[in-house]
Protein backbone atom coordinates (compact mmCIF):
# COMPACT_ATOMS: atom_id res chain seq x y z
CA UNK A 1 38.19 13.73 17.28
CA UNK A 2 39.29 10.62 19.17
CA UNK A 3 42.75 9.14 18.63
CA UNK A 4 41.34 5.82 17.41
CA UNK A 5 39.25 7.59 14.75
CA UNK A 6 42.27 9.67 13.72
CA UNK A 7 44.44 6.56 13.40
CA UNK A 8 41.80 4.84 11.28
CA UNK A 9 41.58 7.81 8.95
CA UNK A 10 45.35 7.95 8.47
CA UNK A 11 45.53 4.19 7.92
CA UNK A 12 42.80 4.55 5.30
CA UNK A 13 45.18 6.92 3.49
CA UNK A 14 47.84 4.21 3.42
CA UNK A 15 49.86 4.79 6.59
CA UNK A 16 51.00 1.65 8.41
CA UNK A 17 49.36 1.26 11.85
CA UNK A 18 52.65 1.95 13.67
CA UNK A 19 53.27 5.12 11.64
CA UNK A 20 49.71 6.31 12.16
CA UNK A 21 50.11 5.73 15.93
CA UNK A 22 53.29 7.86 16.00
CA UNK A 23 51.58 10.74 14.21
CA UNK A 24 48.39 10.57 16.28
CA UNK A 25 50.37 10.46 19.52
CA UNK A 26 52.20 13.64 18.52
CA UNK A 27 48.95 15.38 17.56
CA UNK A 28 47.24 14.32 20.79
CA UNK A 29 50.21 15.62 22.80
CA UNK A 30 49.83 18.97 21.04
CA UNK A 31 46.15 19.14 21.99
CA UNK A 32 46.99 18.23 25.59
CA UNK A 33 49.49 21.11 25.67
CA UNK A 34 46.87 23.54 24.34
CA UNK A 35 48.51 23.78 20.89
CA UNK A 36 45.30 22.93 19.03
CA UNK A 37 46.58 24.29 15.73
CA UNK A 38 49.02 21.37 15.78
CA UNK A 39 46.57 18.83 17.21
CA UNK A 40 44.12 16.27 15.91
CA UNK A 41 42.33 18.98 13.99
CA UNK A 42 45.15 18.63 11.46
CA UNK A 43 43.90 15.22 10.33
CA UNK A 44 41.95 16.56 7.30
CA UNK A 45 45.04 18.53 6.22
CA UNK A 46 47.23 15.44 6.57
CA UNK A 47 44.72 13.39 4.59
CA UNK A 48 45.18 15.90 1.80
CA UNK A 49 48.99 15.53 1.93
CA UNK A 50 49.06 11.74 1.98
CA UNK A 51 49.28 10.35 -1.50
CA UNK A 52 50.05 13.77 -3.01
CA UNK A 53 52.99 15.59 -1.38
CA UNK A 54 53.67 12.67 0.98
CA UNK A 55 54.20 8.96 0.28
CA UNK A 56 52.19 6.92 2.82
CA UNK A 57 54.68 4.05 2.43
CA UNK A 58 57.75 6.29 2.71
CA UNK A 59 60.26 5.47 5.44
CA UNK A 60 63.03 7.82 6.58
CA UNK A 61 66.57 6.63 5.98
CA UNK A 62 69.84 7.50 7.69
CA UNK A 63 72.35 8.17 4.91
CA UNK A 64 75.46 9.05 6.91
CA UNK A 65 76.70 8.83 10.47
CA UNK A 66 79.82 9.85 12.37
CA UNK A 67 80.16 10.61 16.06
CA UNK A 68 79.38 14.28 15.53
CA UNK A 69 77.13 14.17 12.46
CA UNK A 70 74.17 12.36 10.95
CA UNK A 71 72.33 12.92 7.67
CA UNK A 72 68.83 11.57 7.14
CA UNK A 73 66.42 11.70 4.21
CA UNK A 74 62.66 11.56 4.65
CA UNK A 75 62.16 9.41 1.54
CA UNK A 76 58.70 10.86 1.10
CA UNK A 77 57.53 10.10 4.65
CA UNK A 78 55.73 12.54 6.91
CA UNK A 79 58.23 14.68 8.78
CA UNK A 80 56.78 13.46 12.07
CA UNK A 81 58.13 10.01 11.25
CA UNK A 82 61.58 11.32 10.33
CA UNK A 83 61.97 13.29 13.56
CA UNK A 84 60.64 10.34 15.57
CA UNK A 85 63.31 8.11 13.98
CA UNK A 86 66.00 10.73 14.61
CA UNK A 87 65.04 11.03 18.28
CA UNK A 88 65.02 7.25 18.66
CA UNK A 89 68.48 7.08 17.11
CA UNK A 90 69.88 9.79 19.36
CA UNK A 91 68.40 8.21 22.48
CA UNK A 92 69.64 4.74 21.57
CA UNK A 93 73.15 6.02 20.81
CA UNK A 94 73.61 9.48 22.35
CA UNK A 95 76.61 11.62 21.40
CA UNK A 96 79.72 11.56 23.54
CA UNK A 97 79.72 15.36 23.30
CA UNK A 98 77.51 16.77 20.53
CA UNK A 99 75.93 15.71 17.26
CA UNK A 100 74.45 17.67 14.38
CA UNK A 101 71.63 15.88 12.55
CA UNK A 102 70.51 17.15 9.14
CA UNK A 103 67.08 15.88 8.04
CA UNK A 104 66.52 16.38 4.33
CA UNK A 105 62.96 16.45 2.95
CA UNK A 106 61.37 16.49 6.41
CA UNK A 107 57.85 18.00 6.41
CA UNK A 108 55.56 18.53 8.23
CA UNK A 109 57.47 18.49 11.52
CA UNK A 110 54.74 19.30 14.04
CA UNK A 111 55.52 20.83 17.44
CA UNK A 112 59.30 21.13 17.47
CA UNK A 113 59.29 21.63 21.22
CA UNK A 114 57.91 18.10 21.66
CA UNK A 115 60.93 16.59 19.89
CA UNK A 116 63.33 18.80 21.83
CA UNK A 117 61.61 17.95 25.13
CA UNK A 118 61.93 14.24 24.35
CA UNK A 119 65.70 14.62 24.03
CA UNK A 120 65.95 16.82 27.12
CA UNK A 121 63.99 14.24 29.09
CA UNK A 122 66.87 11.86 28.41
CA UNK A 123 69.44 14.40 29.60
CA UNK A 124 70.46 16.01 26.31
CA UNK A 125 70.49 19.71 25.46
CA UNK A 126 68.57 20.01 22.19
CA UNK A 127 67.99 22.58 19.48
CA UNK A 128 65.48 21.73 16.74
CA UNK A 129 64.59 23.97 13.82
CA UNK A 130 62.85 23.46 10.51
CA UNK A 131 61.71 25.24 7.36
CA UNK A 132 58.18 25.33 6.00
CA UNK A 133 56.31 26.73 2.98
CA UNK A 134 56.82 30.43 2.29
CA UNK A 135 54.15 32.22 4.30
CA UNK A 136 55.82 35.30 5.84
CA UNK A 137 56.31 38.46 3.77
CA UNK A 138 59.05 41.01 4.31
CA UNK A 139 58.05 43.52 7.04
CA UNK A 140 57.66 46.13 4.30
CA UNK A 141 55.14 43.89 2.53
CA UNK A 142 55.10 41.99 -0.74
CA UNK A 143 54.84 38.29 -1.53
CA UNK A 144 55.75 35.69 1.13
CA UNK A 145 59.51 35.16 1.23
CA UNK A 146 60.07 32.65 4.00
CA UNK A 147 58.37 30.14 6.26
CA UNK A 148 57.35 30.62 9.87
CA UNK A 149 60.47 28.51 10.56
CA UNK A 150 60.26 27.78 14.31
CA UNK A 151 63.12 27.10 16.70
CA UNK A 152 62.87 24.94 19.82
CA UNK A 153 65.49 24.85 22.57
CA UNK A 154 65.29 22.35 25.42
CA UNK A 155 67.64 22.17 28.40
CA UNK A 156 67.45 19.29 30.90
CA UNK A 157 67.34 19.96 34.63
CA UNK A 158 68.30 18.03 37.72
CA UNK A 159 64.84 18.81 39.13
CA UNK A 160 63.26 16.80 36.29
CA UNK A 161 61.59 19.84 34.72
CA UNK A 162 63.37 20.76 31.49
CA UNK A 163 63.22 24.27 30.12
CA UNK A 164 61.61 24.17 26.66
CA UNK A 165 61.32 27.27 24.47
CA UNK A 166 59.48 26.81 21.16
CA UNK A 167 58.91 29.90 19.03
CA UNK A 168 57.56 30.39 15.53
CA UNK A 169 58.57 33.56 13.70
CA UNK A 170 55.00 34.37 12.71
CA UNK A 171 52.54 36.53 14.61
CA UNK A 172 50.31 33.46 14.23
CA UNK A 173 51.05 29.94 13.01
CA UNK A 174 49.77 28.15 9.94
CA UNK A 175 48.08 25.81 12.42
CA UNK A 176 46.08 28.78 13.70
CA UNK A 177 44.91 29.38 10.14
CA UNK A 178 44.01 25.72 9.64
CA UNK A 179 42.05 25.67 12.90
CA UNK A 180 40.16 28.86 12.04
CA UNK A 181 41.76 30.86 14.85
CA UNK A 182 43.42 33.19 12.33
CA UNK A 183 43.27 34.13 8.65
CA UNK A 184 46.15 33.91 6.15
CA UNK A 185 46.56 37.70 6.23
CA UNK A 186 47.58 37.39 9.90
CA UNK A 187 50.68 35.43 8.87
CA UNK A 188 53.30 38.16 9.19
CA UNK A 189 56.52 38.30 11.23
CA UNK A 190 55.75 38.94 14.88
CA UNK A 191 56.84 42.10 16.62
CA UNK A 192 54.87 44.93 15.09
CA UNK A 193 57.30 47.82 14.62
CA UNK A 194 60.12 45.40 15.48
CA UNK A 195 59.00 42.74 12.98
CA UNK A 196 62.36 42.98 11.21
CA UNK A 197 63.84 40.96 14.08
CA UNK A 198 61.46 38.03 13.59
CA UNK A 199 61.95 38.24 9.84
CA UNK A 200 65.72 38.12 10.32
CA UNK A 201 65.38 34.95 12.42
CA UNK A 202 63.01 33.35 9.90
CA UNK A 203 65.33 34.16 6.99
CA UNK A 204 68.34 32.98 8.99
CA UNK A 205 66.71 29.60 9.63
CA UNK A 206 65.61 29.40 5.98
CA UNK A 207 69.17 29.84 4.74
CA UNK A 208 70.87 27.80 7.49
CA UNK A 209 68.67 24.76 6.90
CA UNK A 210 68.80 25.28 3.15
CA UNK A 211 72.61 25.37 3.19
CA UNK A 212 72.78 22.11 5.14
CA UNK A 213 69.81 20.19 3.72
CA UNK A 214 68.96 21.62 0.32
CA UNK A 215 65.85 23.28 -1.11
CA UNK A 216 63.17 20.90 0.19
CA UNK A 217 61.48 21.69 3.51
CA UNK A 218 63.87 20.16 6.03
CA UNK A 219 64.91 20.10 9.68
CA UNK A 220 68.11 20.35 11.70
CA UNK A 221 68.64 18.87 15.17
CA UNK A 222 71.56 19.54 17.49
CA UNK A 223 71.92 17.32 20.57
CA UNK A 224 74.65 17.68 23.18
CA UNK A 225 75.52 16.44 26.63
CA UNK A 226 75.29 19.27 29.18
CA UNK A 227 78.32 20.19 31.26
CA UNK A 228 76.34 22.31 33.72
CA UNK A 229 72.86 22.46 35.28
CA UNK A 230 71.60 26.07 34.95
CA UNK A 231 67.83 25.50 34.97
CA UNK A 232 67.20 25.15 38.76
CA UNK A 233 69.01 28.41 39.54
CA UNK A 234 67.11 30.17 36.76
CA UNK A 235 63.82 28.86 38.17
CA UNK A 236 64.77 30.20 41.59
CA UNK A 237 65.57 33.57 40.01
CA UNK A 238 62.15 33.57 38.34
CA UNK A 239 60.51 33.33 41.79
CA UNK A 240 57.67 31.02 40.80
CA UNK A 241 56.83 32.68 37.50
CA UNK A 242 55.91 30.29 34.70
CA UNK A 243 58.83 29.56 32.38
CA UNK A 244 58.68 28.30 28.79
CA UNK A 245 57.77 24.64 28.67
CA UNK A 246 56.15 24.53 32.10
CA UNK A 247 52.79 22.80 32.33
């Protein structure tokens, strides 16, 4: 699917052209990075959300701001638009030291590593995490208890190549299921015999974000100015091996 066609389809669902362009750009970036479960193939799924779970006219709103804290509400908008607005706000007025940003009612959020990389590209250390529909069961089985709840960590580098780790707690992602690369039964905590570790992380994110943002699917962003530059030395230690976030 071409970006222009994708934009037209989203606009036909009621998204403003600028909002459709933001979403399509994010999806196209995901495809370019090989994350096809989060790419333009998601357009039919998004068409199903718009006008039902998502308000095409919704616009995220910043409710509160201090030097170290911001609270946003999605106001029914796609989570992509909320995180785009949060990143724009942080880049326009970066923290003197660190800032915690709570994003209530922020779903879907897309590739969290892309938002974290955007902040790291401007020289900020970033952590981005988010909750999603309950899809992962307890390692012992049973009904789904928690979302795949990814975490992205991005650290800027003086060599211009930020380190970006972006990990979902599922053995596969929901995007893999949407794209046909996996089936819903594959959505279990990763790790096999050690799956309790991934489940612990997923549950920890679920409760952390829930405590800060409430019961709706939401996101949390932490942005901070680095005091040190550890990435180049770590790259040297890796002796040319590919690190998370490398092309």
